[in-house]
Amino acid sequence: MSWLLGSVLLLLALLGAPLFALIAALAFLGMRAAGYDDTGVAAEFYRLTEMPVLIAIPLFTLAGYLLSESKAPQRLVRLTEALLGWLHGGLAIVALLACAIFTAFTGASGVTIVAIGGLLLPALQQARYPDRFSLGLITTSGSLGLLFVPSVPLILYGIVAQQMGTTPSVSIDDMFLAGILPGLLMIGVLAAYGMWKAPPRAHDQPFSGREARSAIWDARFELPLPLIVLGGVYGGYFAASEAAAVTAFYVLAVTVFIRREIAFAALPALIREAMMLVGAILLILGVSLALTNVIVDAEIPARLVRWVNAHVANKWTFLLLLNGFLIVLGMLLDIFSATVLVVPILLPIALHYGIHPVHLGIIFLANMQIGYFTPPVGMNLFIASYRFNTPVLALVRSCLPFFWLLLACVLLITYWPGLSLALL
């Protein structure tokens, strides 16, 4: 009977059934097989209301969507270009930083490609950067901000890990700090590659103090945002959820009432679009919590720990296999689904090998970043293909050098735990 049910679910998955429905079905079947009441899944949804930090996800998402609909992307590009554009390869560095910062606030790399890619790609082409390099840079840079505050995947990993009750424990504040150095490493490596690939006299305008001051003044309302989050949280003024509330209120006030770049009448549609993404995340999170309970009750993590321990000799081999598994996972699943489905299974195994759960989170997210532009279903490839009217295969070839560079960074992040844990 279980074989038949499994076959039916697999067929539904191949036919395109929603992921949350498949997870819910597995949770219902698992609870029924274990003799639990069917209301267990609903009870897990109710548990979401008991997570104060969860409110940070919709609030940060709303702030990101408001920023994307305003002229903040243009101001961000102008600011970074005014400060760094005079360097050889400076425009490539501008693209990296602008995309990373914007993705950190929107939590969605696809939004970054749509909002900023259209500004940066023509500028790179006008500066005589090779087309293949320019397309690869924009497509890959869209995911780099996932390790920086206040990235929604960082928050989501922290929430899932907290539910596992690990020792040592995982906090959202720890995840915010842990992502800084690995994220800067990735940006630094790609920046060096951009400087190397930049054509002669690609961007030889001298630094202009007047333009820099003008760009800083133009972005005066956006510049305090990182200080609000980092300074507020680590200065002890408010928690992560409170920082999200302050950020959302601040961005709403600036974009709607001060700059007036978003009409008040347009707010309901914008909020609806942002909350559709949040609703999808929470729906998957709720049913996944129920499935996690079924998995733990069936002692599947403990069995996996014993199996892995019998076949994997040491921690370093496990980490190498983990990277390969996560890259393949990133090709097939979006980062939100992968986090709530796979992290509860990986955490006990990682703890068995002495891997800090915060370090595991950075390894996980760094690998999933690569998955965003890795075929066959890398989301950024299809968004960039649509945005720039370029075949997906051409984008895959454009992204290959960036893939290998970022893979080297992921291996360094994996085998050097101090890079993730130094600021904790």
Protein backbone atom coordinates (compact mmCIF):
# COMPACT_ATOMS: atom_id res chain seq x y z
CA MET A 1 0.00 0.00 0.00
CA SER A 2 2.81 2.42 0.91
CA TRP A 3 4.50 1.57 -2.41
CA LEU A 4 1.31 2.50 -4.27
CA LEU A 5 0.89 5.77 -2.38
CA GLY A 6 4.51 6.65 -3.02
CA SER A 7 4.07 5.99 -6.73
CA VAL A 8 0.96 8.18 -6.83
CA LEU A 9 2.78 11.05 -5.10
CA LEU A 10 5.75 10.72 -7.47
CA LEU A 11 3.39 10.80 -10.45
CA LEU A 12 1.68 13.91 -9.06
CA ALA A 13 5.08 15.56 -8.62
CA LEU A 14 6.00 14.80 -12.25
CA LEU A 15 2.67 16.25 -13.36
CA GLY A 16 3.47 19.51 -11.58
CA ALA A 17 1.49 19.26 -8.35
CA PRO A 18 2.29 22.09 -5.90
CA LEU A 19 5.18 21.25 -3.59
CA PHE A 20 3.28 22.18 -0.42
CA ALA A 21 0.48 19.75 -1.35
CA LEU A 22 2.94 16.87 -1.78
CA ILE A 23 4.65 17.66 1.52
CA ALA A 24 1.28 17.92 3.28
CA ALA A 25 0.22 14.58 1.83
CA LEU A 26 3.40 12.93 3.08
CA ALA A 27 2.89 14.49 6.52
CA PHE A 28 -0.74 13.31 6.71
CA LEU A 29 0.19 9.79 5.61
CA GLY A 30 3.11 9.66 8.02
CA MET A 31 1.03 10.81 10.98
CA ARG A 32 -1.73 8.37 10.17
CA ALA A 33 0.77 5.50 9.86
CA ALA A 34 2.22 6.47 13.27
CA GLY A 35 -1.25 6.50 14.81
CA TYR A 36 -1.47 10.27 15.36
CA ASP A 37 -4.52 12.43 14.88
CA ASP A 38 -4.89 14.15 11.48
CA THR A 39 -5.04 17.51 13.23
CA GLY A 40 -1.29 17.27 13.81
CA VAL A 41 -0.57 19.15 10.58
CA ALA A 42 -2.90 21.97 11.63
CA ALA A 43 -1.18 22.04 15.02
CA GLU A 44 2.15 22.62 13.30
CA PHE A 45 0.68 25.59 11.44
CA TYR A 46 -0.45 26.97 14.78
CA ARG A 47 3.13 26.66 16.03
CA LEU A 48 4.12 29.28 13.48
CA THR A 49 2.21 31.85 15.52
CA GLU A 50 4.48 31.09 18.47
CA MET A 51 7.64 32.15 16.61
CA PRO A 52 8.13 35.88 17.21
CA VAL A 53 11.09 36.03 14.83
CA LEU A 54 8.91 34.78 11.97
CA ILE A 55 7.37 38.25 11.60
CA ALA A 56 10.73 39.41 10.20
CA ILE A 57 10.12 37.53 6.93
CA PRO A 58 7.01 39.41 5.71
CA LEU A 59 8.33 42.75 6.95
CA PHE A 60 11.74 42.50 5.28
CA THR A 61 10.08 41.13 2.13
CA LEU A 62 7.71 44.10 2.02
CA ALA A 63 10.62 46.53 2.46
CA GLY A 64 12.46 44.83 -0.41
CA TYR A 65 9.49 45.01 -2.74
CA LEU A 66 8.96 48.69 -1.93
CA LEU A 67 12.60 49.41 -2.72
CA SER A 68 12.41 47.52 -6.01
CA GLU A 69 9.38 49.53 -7.15
CA SER A 70 10.98 52.87 -6.27
CA LYS A 71 14.02 54.46 -7.90
CA ALA A 72 16.33 53.02 -5.23
CA PRO A 73 18.04 50.67 -7.75
CA GLN A 74 19.07 53.63 -9.92
CA ARG A 75 20.35 55.56 -6.90
CA LEU A 76 22.28 52.53 -5.67
CA VAL A 77 23.94 52.03 -9.05
CA ARG A 78 24.78 55.74 -9.29
CA LEU A 79 26.27 55.75 -5.78
CA THR A 80 28.49 52.71 -6.26
CA GLU A 81 29.62 53.96 -9.67
CA ALA A 82 30.49 57.40 -8.28
CA LEU A 83 32.58 55.83 -5.50
CA LEU A 84 34.17 52.91 -7.37
CA GLY A 85 33.63 53.49 -11.08
CA TRP A 86 37.03 55.18 -11.53
CA LEU A 87 38.85 51.90 -10.81
CA HIS A 88 39.99 49.65 -13.63
CA GLY A 89 37.11 47.19 -13.84
CA GLY A 90 35.18 49.46 -11.52
CA LEU A 91 31.91 49.00 -13.40
CA ALA A 92 32.07 45.23 -12.82
CA ILE A 93 32.60 45.89 -9.11
CA VAL A 94 29.68 48.32 -9.18
CA ALA A 95 27.48 45.59 -10.68
CA LEU A 96 28.54 43.07 -8.04
CA LEU A 97 27.96 45.37 -5.08
CA ALA A 98 24.70 46.83 -6.37
CA CYS A 99 23.24 43.38 -7.06
CA ALA A 100 24.43 41.93 -3.74
CA ILE A 101 23.04 44.79 -1.66
CA PHE A 102 19.74 44.80 -3.49
CA THR A 103 19.30 41.02 -3.23
CA ALA A 104 20.01 41.16 0.50
CA PHE A 105 17.01 43.44 1.00
CA THR A 106 14.62 41.89 -1.51
CA GLY A 107 15.54 38.29 -0.65
CA ALA A 108 14.90 37.37 -4.29
CA SER A 109 17.71 37.32 -6.84
CA GLY A 110 15.24 37.32 -9.71
CA VAL A 111 13.90 40.70 -8.62
CA THR A 112 17.47 42.03 -8.70
CA ILE A 113 18.03 40.85 -12.27
CA VAL A 114 14.81 42.50 -13.42
CA ALA A 115 15.26 45.73 -11.41
CA ILE A 116 19.00 46.36 -11.81
CA GLY A 117 20.09 44.12 -14.68
CA GLY A 118 18.39 46.34 -17.21
CA LEU A 119 20.48 49.28 -15.96
CA LEU A 120 23.83 47.52 -15.68
CA LEU A 121 23.96 45.32 -18.79
CA PRO A 122 23.81 48.25 -21.30
CA ALA A 123 26.40 50.12 -19.20
CA LEU A 124 28.77 47.14 -19.25
CA GLN A 125 28.31 46.74 -23.00
CA GLN A 126 28.88 50.44 -23.59
CA ALA A 127 32.11 50.18 -21.60
CA ARG A 128 33.21 47.43 -24.04
CA TYR A 129 33.06 44.51 -21.62
CA PRO A 130 32.59 41.22 -23.54
CA ASP A 131 28.92 40.28 -23.90
CA ARG A 132 29.48 36.81 -22.45
CA PHE A 133 31.22 38.24 -19.39
CA SER A 134 28.52 40.88 -18.87
CA LEU A 135 25.66 38.39 -19.09
CA GLY A 136 27.40 35.96 -16.75
CA LEU A 137 28.19 38.71 -14.26
CA ILE A 138 24.60 39.98 -14.02
CA THR A 139 23.09 36.48 -13.93
CA THR A 140 25.37 35.25 -11.13
CA SER A 141 25.55 38.47 -9.11
CA GLY A 142 21.81 38.34 -8.52
CA SER A 143 22.28 35.62 -5.90
CA LEU A 144 25.30 36.97 -4.02
CA GLY A 145 23.30 38.96 -1.48
CA LEU A 146 21.73 35.88 0.09
CA LEU A 147 24.46 35.77 2.76
CA PHE A 148 24.02 39.39 3.84
CA VAL A 149 21.65 41.05 6.30
CA PRO A 150 18.62 40.98 6.12
CA SER A 151 18.38 38.09 3.64
CA VAL A 152 15.18 36.06 4.07
CA PRO A 153 16.97 32.71 3.45
CA LEU A 154 19.33 33.52 6.36
CA ILE A 155 16.33 34.14 8.61
CA LEU A 156 14.51 31.03 7.39
CA TYR A 157 17.50 28.78 8.05
CA GLY A 158 17.76 30.21 11.57
CA ILE A 159 14.07 29.51 12.21
CA VAL A 160 14.27 25.92 10.96
CA ALA A 161 17.46 25.24 12.94
CA GLN A 162 15.92 26.69 16.11
CA GLN A 163 13.04 24.21 15.85
CA MET A 164 15.58 21.37 15.93
CA GLY A 165 16.89 22.47 19.34
CA THR A 166 20.53 22.03 18.41
CA THR A 167 23.51 22.32 20.74
CA PRO A 168 25.08 24.80 20.21
CA SER A 169 21.94 26.74 19.40
CA VAL A 170 21.34 28.90 16.33
CA SER A 171 20.04 32.46 16.49
CA ILE A 172 19.08 34.83 13.69
CA ASP A 173 21.68 37.30 14.98
CA ASP A 174 24.37 34.63 14.65
CA MET A 175 23.34 33.91 11.07
CA PHE A 176 23.49 37.61 10.22
CA LEU A 177 27.08 37.83 11.50
CA ALA A 178 28.20 34.50 10.05
CA GLY A 179 27.32 35.47 6.48
CA ILE A 180 29.40 38.65 6.35
CA LEU A 181 32.92 37.30 5.74
CA PRO A 182 31.92 34.44 3.37
CA GLY A 183 29.78 36.88 1.39
CA LEU A 184 32.65 39.37 1.15
CA LEU A 185 34.97 36.56 0.03
CA MET A 186 32.68 35.71 -2.89
CA ILE A 187 32.30 39.35 -3.91
CA GLY A 188 36.06 39.90 -3.59
CA VAL A 189 36.93 36.94 -5.81
CA LEU A 190 34.45 37.97 -8.51
CA ALA A 191 35.60 41.60 -8.24
CA ALA A 192 39.20 40.51 -8.89
CA TYR A 193 38.02 38.48 -11.88
CA GLY A 194 36.06 41.49 -13.16
CA MET A 195 39.15 43.70 -12.93
CA TRP A 196 41.17 41.08 -14.80
CA LYS A 197 38.57 40.73 -17.58
CA ALA A 198 37.97 44.47 -17.97
CA PRO A 199 39.10 45.74 -21.38
CA PRO A 200 41.75 48.49 -21.53
CA ARG A 201 40.31 51.90 -20.70
CA ALA A 202 36.97 50.24 -19.98
CA HIS A 203 36.00 52.93 -17.52
CA ASP A 204 38.65 55.62 -17.32
CA GLN A 205 36.61 58.56 -16.04
CA PRO A 206 38.44 60.25 -13.15
CA PHE A 207 36.95 60.29 -9.69
CA SER A 208 34.65 63.28 -9.22
CA GLY A 209 34.17 64.56 -5.71
CA ARG A 210 31.19 66.59 -6.84
CA GLU A 211 29.48 63.54 -8.37
CA ALA A 212 30.28 61.44 -5.28
CA ARG A 213 28.75 64.04 -2.95
CA SER A 214 25.74 64.38 -5.22
CA ALA A 215 25.23 60.59 -5.37
CA ILE A 216 25.56 60.28 -1.59
CA TRP A 217 23.01 63.04 -1.09
CA ASP A 218 20.69 61.44 -3.64
CA ALA A 219 20.88 58.12 -1.73
CA ARG A 220 20.69 59.76 1.71
CA PHE A 221 17.51 57.89 2.63
CA GLU A 222 18.80 54.47 1.50
CA LEU A 223 22.21 54.68 3.20
CA PRO A 224 20.87 54.35 6.78
CA LEU A 225 19.15 51.01 6.04
CA PRO A 226 22.12 48.71 6.88
CA LEU A 227 22.75 50.77 10.02
CA ILE A 228 19.14 50.36 11.10
CA VAL A 229 19.38 46.58 10.88
CA LEU A 230 22.94 45.88 12.00
CA GLY A 231 23.32 48.81 14.38
CA GLY A 232 19.90 48.27 15.90
CA VAL A 233 20.29 44.52 16.43
CA TYR A 234 23.90 44.40 17.58
CA GLY A 235 23.65 47.66 19.48
CA GLY A 236 21.00 46.01 21.60
CA TYR A 237 18.27 48.48 20.64
CA PHE A 238 15.88 45.89 19.21
CA ALA A 239 15.56 42.26 18.12
CA ALA A 240 15.61 41.01 14.53
CA SER A 241 11.80 41.09 14.26
CA GLU A 242 11.72 44.64 15.64
CA ALA A 243 14.46 45.65 13.19
CA ALA A 244 12.28 44.30 10.40
CA ALA A 245 9.33 46.38 11.59
CA VAL A 246 11.45 49.54 11.80
CA THR A 247 12.93 48.87 8.36
CA ALA A 248 9.54 48.29 6.73
CA PHE A 249 8.05 51.42 8.32
CA TYR A 250 11.08 53.51 7.33
CA VAL A 251 11.05 52.29 3.69
CA LEU A 252 7.28 52.80 3.47
CA ALA A 253 7.57 56.36 4.79
CA VAL A 254 10.44 57.21 2.42
CA THR A 255 9.06 55.67 -0.78
CA VAL A 256 5.42 56.69 -0.35
CA PHE A 257 5.36 59.90 1.69
CA ILE A 258 8.80 61.54 1.40
CA ARG A 259 10.04 60.70 -2.10
CA ARG A 260 6.52 59.88 -3.37
CA GLU A 261 7.86 57.39 -5.90
CA ILE A 262 5.12 54.88 -5.11
CA ALA A 263 1.54 56.08 -5.29
CA PHE A 264 -0.56 55.38 -2.22
CA ALA A 265 -3.18 53.80 -4.49
CA ALA A 266 -0.57 51.32 -5.77
CA LEU A 267 0.27 50.02 -2.29
CA PRO A 268 -2.45 47.33 -2.03
CA ALA A 269 -1.31 45.61 -5.24
CA LEU A 270 2.36 45.83 -4.21
CA ILE A 271 1.67 44.47 -0.72
CA ARG A 272 -0.40 41.66 -2.25
CA GLU A 273 2.50 40.69 -4.55
CA ALA A 274 4.98 40.68 -1.66
CA MET A 275 2.69 38.67 0.59
CA MET A 276 2.09 36.08 -2.12
CA LEU A 277 5.80 35.22 -1.85
CA VAL A 278 5.59 35.24 1.96
CA GLY A 279 2.47 33.08 1.89
CA ALA A 280 4.22 30.50 -0.28
CA ILE A 281 7.16 30.39 2.15
CA LEU A 282 4.93 30.05 5.24
CA LEU A 283 2.75 27.41 3.61
CA ILE A 284 5.76 25.26 2.78
CA LEU A 285 7.24 25.94 6.24
CA GLY A 286 4.06 24.89 8.04
CA VAL A 287 3.59 21.55 6.27
CA SER A 288 7.35 20.91 6.41
CA LEU A 289 7.34 21.28 10.20
CA ALA A 290 4.68 18.59 10.32
CA LEU A 291 6.70 16.35 7.99
CA THR A 292 9.82 16.98 10.10
CA ASN A 293 7.99 15.67 13.18
CA VAL A 294 7.06 12.53 11.25
CA ILE A 295 10.67 12.09 10.12
CA VAL A 296 12.05 12.56 13.64
CA ASP A 297 9.43 10.26 15.16
CA ALA A 298 10.37 7.57 12.62
CA GLU A 299 14.03 8.01 13.69
CA ILE A 300 15.07 8.65 10.09
CA PRO A 301 17.82 11.18 11.05
CA ALA A 302 19.27 8.71 13.58
CA ARG A 303 19.28 5.96 10.96
CA LEU A 304 20.93 8.29 8.46
CA VAL A 305 23.59 9.22 11.01
CA ARG A 306 24.40 5.53 11.53
CA TRP A 307 24.43 4.84 7.79
CA VAL A 308 26.63 7.84 6.95
CA ASN A 309 28.96 7.02 9.85
CA ALA A 310 29.36 3.49 8.49
CA HIS A 311 30.18 4.62 4.96
CA VAL A 312 31.90 8.01 5.37
CA ALA A 313 35.26 7.84 7.08
CA ASN A 314 35.63 11.37 8.45
CA LYS A 315 34.26 14.89 8.65
CA TRP A 316 36.20 16.17 5.63
CA THR A 317 34.86 13.49 3.31
CA PHE A 318 31.34 14.18 4.58
CA LEU A 319 31.74 17.89 3.84
CA LEU A 320 32.89 17.17 0.29
CA LEU A 321 29.92 14.87 -0.31
CA LEU A 322 27.66 17.47 1.29
CA ASN A 323 28.78 20.12 -1.20
CA GLY A 324 28.06 17.84 -4.13
CA PHE A 325 24.64 16.96 -2.75
CA LEU A 326 23.72 20.61 -2.10
CA ILE A 327 24.76 21.77 -5.57
CA VAL A 328 22.55 19.09 -7.12
CA LEU A 329 19.76 20.05 -4.71
CA GLY A 330 20.12 23.69 -5.76
CA MET A 331 19.64 22.65 -9.39
CA LEU A 332 16.29 21.05 -8.57
CA LEU A 333 14.68 23.02 -5.72
CA ASP A 334 14.31 26.68 -4.85
CA ILE A 335 16.17 27.83 -1.75
CA PHE A 336 13.07 28.19 0.46
CA SER A 337 11.74 24.69 -0.21
CA ALA A 338 15.20 23.14 0.14
CA THR A 339 15.77 24.86 3.48
CA VAL A 340 12.61 23.63 5.19
CA LEU A 341 12.80 20.14 3.67
CA VAL A 342 16.46 19.21 3.87
CA VAL A 343 17.97 21.15 6.80
CA PRO A 344 16.13 19.08 9.48
CA ILE A 345 17.68 15.94 7.98
CA LEU A 346 21.18 17.37 7.50
CA LEU A 347 21.54 18.99 10.92
CA PRO A 348 21.76 15.81 13.04
CA ILE A 349 24.31 14.30 10.65
CA ALA A 350 26.42 17.47 10.65
CA LEU A 351 26.32 17.67 14.46
CA HIS A 352 27.49 14.06 14.61
CA TYR A 353 30.63 15.11 12.71
CA GLY A 354 31.19 18.12 14.95
CA ILE A 355 30.08 20.75 12.43
CA HIS A 356 28.71 23.91 14.02
CA PRO A 357 25.06 24.42 12.95
CA VAL A 358 25.74 28.06 12.05
CA HIS A 359 28.66 26.97 9.85
CA LEU A 360 26.39 24.37 8.25
CA GLY A 361 23.89 27.14 7.48
CA ILE A 362 26.49 29.20 5.62
CA ILE A 363 27.68 26.12 3.70
CA PHE A 364 24.08 25.36 2.81
CA LEU A 365 23.24 28.88 1.62
CA ALA A 366 26.54 29.33 -0.26
CA ASN A 367 25.88 26.15 -2.23
CA MET A 368 22.27 27.12 -2.90
CA GLN A 369 23.51 30.46 -4.28
CA ILE A 370 25.32 28.53 -6.99
CA GLY A 371 22.18 26.52 -7.66
CA TYR A 372 20.38 29.68 -8.71
CA PHE A 373 22.33 29.76 -11.99
CA THR A 374 23.04 26.05 -12.46
CA PRO A 375 21.03 24.07 -15.04
CA PRO A 376 18.64 22.37 -15.48
CA VAL A 377 16.27 24.53 -13.40
CA GLY A 378 18.45 27.38 -12.12
CA MET A 379 15.88 30.15 -11.70
CA ASN A 380 18.24 33.02 -12.56
CA LEU A 381 19.01 31.47 -15.95
CA PHE A 382 15.38 31.63 -17.03
CA ILE A 383 14.76 35.08 -15.56
CA ALA A 384 17.87 36.47 -17.27
CA SER A 385 16.92 34.70 -20.51
CA TYR A 386 13.55 36.45 -20.46
CA ARG A 387 14.94 39.81 -19.31
CA PHE A 388 17.79 39.98 -21.84
CA ASN A 389 16.20 37.95 -24.66
CA THR A 390 19.10 35.50 -24.66
CA PRO A 391 18.96 31.68 -25.04
CA VAL A 392 19.37 29.76 -21.78
CA LEU A 393 22.28 27.72 -23.19
CA ALA A 394 24.16 30.91 -24.03
CA LEU A 395 23.67 32.07 -20.43
CA VAL A 396 24.90 28.71 -19.10
CA ARG A 397 28.14 29.17 -21.07
CA SER A 398 28.42 32.76 -19.80
CA CYS A 399 28.06 31.63 -16.18
CA LEU A 400 30.64 28.82 -16.29
CA PRO A 401 33.71 30.90 -15.23
CA PHE A 402 31.71 32.40 -12.38
CA PHE A 403 30.52 28.93 -11.36
CA TRP A 404 34.07 27.62 -10.96
CA LEU A 405 35.21 30.70 -9.04
CA LEU A 406 32.27 30.55 -6.66
CA LEU A 407 32.69 26.79 -6.25
CA ALA A 408 36.28 27.44 -5.11
CA CYS A 409 34.89 29.97 -2.62
CA VAL A 410 32.35 27.43 -1.37
CA LEU A 411 35.11 24.87 -0.76
CA LEU A 412 37.10 27.47 1.18
CA ILE A 413 34.01 28.37 3.23
CA THR A 414 33.39 24.67 3.85
CA TYR A 415 36.85 23.72 5.04
CA TRP A 416 37.62 26.94 6.92
CA PRO A 417 34.94 27.18 9.65
CA GLY A 418 36.59 30.26 11.13
CA LEU A 419 35.52 32.30 8.12
CA SER A 420 31.89 31.81 9.16
CA LEU A 421 32.35 31.73 12.93
CA ALA A 422 35.00 34.41 13.49
CA LEU A 423 32.51 37.23 14.16
CA LEU A 424 30.27 35.25 16.51
